[in-house]
Structures are given as structure tokens and as C-alpha cells.
Amino acid sequence: MCTHTPKCPAADSPDREAAHVVASHPEQGWSLLCNGTVLFEDTGELLPDGQVIAPHRPLAVVA
């Protein structure tokens, strides 16, 4: 799906979130990346093969 040079990270690579956004729907809380990953605003992900990646927000530090 990616036509960028250099190619964006594949959907199964650890840095998949670094791929370019090809469709953004902030009003709905998601973006489609060029590697086929759907990235949700809560940091959850849906991979092209249907695998779900749970949200992985950084934990807040309480002082």
C-alpha cells in the first residue's frame, strides 16, 4: 500500500505507527496509515490482518 520512499514500516513491525497518515478522521477518533493500520486516538490499533493492539498510553506519574 505504501508508495513513499523510503518505504514506511510494515504493519507487523514494532514501529508501524511511524507510517504516513493517508486518511484522518479526528471527529471519529481514528486515522488510517499507509501500511493498512488503523490508529485510534486512545493509542489502540487495528492491524490489516484483524489483530487488535490494546491502547498503550504512557502511565501518568503522580508526584
Protein backbone atom coordinates (compact mmCIF):
# COMPACT_ATOMS: atom_id res chain seq x y z
CA MET A 1 0.00 0.00 0.00
CA CYS A 2 2.93 2.39 0.72
CA THR A 3 4.35 4.33 -2.20
CA HIS A 4 6.70 6.50 -0.13
CA THR A 5 10.49 6.49 -0.48
CA PRO A 6 11.87 5.14 1.75
CA LYS A 7 9.04 2.73 2.42
CA CYS A 8 7.05 3.15 5.61
CA PRO A 9 7.29 0.47 8.31
CA ALA A 10 5.17 -2.62 7.71
CA ALA A 11 2.05 -3.20 9.79
CA ASP A 12 3.75 -6.08 11.61
CA SER A 13 6.86 -4.11 12.60
CA PRO A 14 7.27 -2.53 16.05
CA ASP A 15 7.49 0.99 14.58
CA ARG A 16 4.31 0.65 12.46
CA GLU A 17 2.89 3.90 13.94
CA ALA A 18 5.59 5.86 12.06
CA ALA A 19 3.83 5.22 8.73
CA HIS A 20 2.25 8.16 6.90
CA VAL A 21 -1.40 9.02 7.52
CA VAL A 22 -3.49 8.53 4.36
CA ALA A 23 -6.91 9.27 5.89
CA SER A 24 -7.60 11.18 9.07
CA HIS A 25 -10.93 11.31 10.87
CA PRO A 26 -10.26 13.16 14.15
CA GLU A 27 -14.00 13.74 14.64
CA GLN A 28 -14.34 9.94 14.85
CA GLY A 29 -11.05 9.37 16.67
CA TRP A 30 -9.08 7.33 14.11
CA SER A 31 -6.58 7.56 11.26
CA LEU A 32 -5.62 5.12 8.51
CA LEU A 33 -1.89 4.70 7.96
CA CYS A 34 -0.38 3.76 4.59
CA ASN A 35 0.62 0.34 5.93
CA GLY A 36 -3.06 -0.50 6.48
CA THR A 37 -3.06 0.06 10.24
CA VAL A 38 -5.99 1.93 11.79
CA LEU A 39 -4.67 4.06 14.65
CA PHE A 40 -7.18 5.19 17.28
CA GLU A 41 -6.81 8.34 19.39
CA ASP A 42 -6.63 6.24 22.58
CA THR A 43 -3.45 4.65 21.06
CA GLY A 44 -5.20 1.38 20.27
CA GLU A 45 -4.63 -0.13 16.83
CA LEU A 46 -6.34 -2.42 14.35
CA LEU A 47 -3.91 -4.19 12.05
CA PRO A 48 -4.77 -5.20 8.46
CA ASP A 49 -4.97 -8.88 9.47
CA GLY A 50 -7.65 -8.08 12.08
CA GLN A 51 -5.32 -8.25 15.07
CA VAL A 52 -6.16 -5.74 17.81
CA ILE A 53 -3.44 -3.90 19.71
CA ALA A 54 -4.71 -2.62 23.05
CA PRO A 55 -4.24 1.06 23.92
CA HIS A 56 -0.74 1.74 25.24
CA ARG A 57 -0.82 5.26 26.61
CA PRO A 58 2.05 6.20 28.88
CA LEU A 59 1.13 5.98 32.54
CA ALA A 60 0.69 9.27 34.35
CA VAL A 61 3.27 9.94 37.05
CA VAL A 62 1.79 11.11 40.33
CA ALA A 63 4.09 13.39 42.28
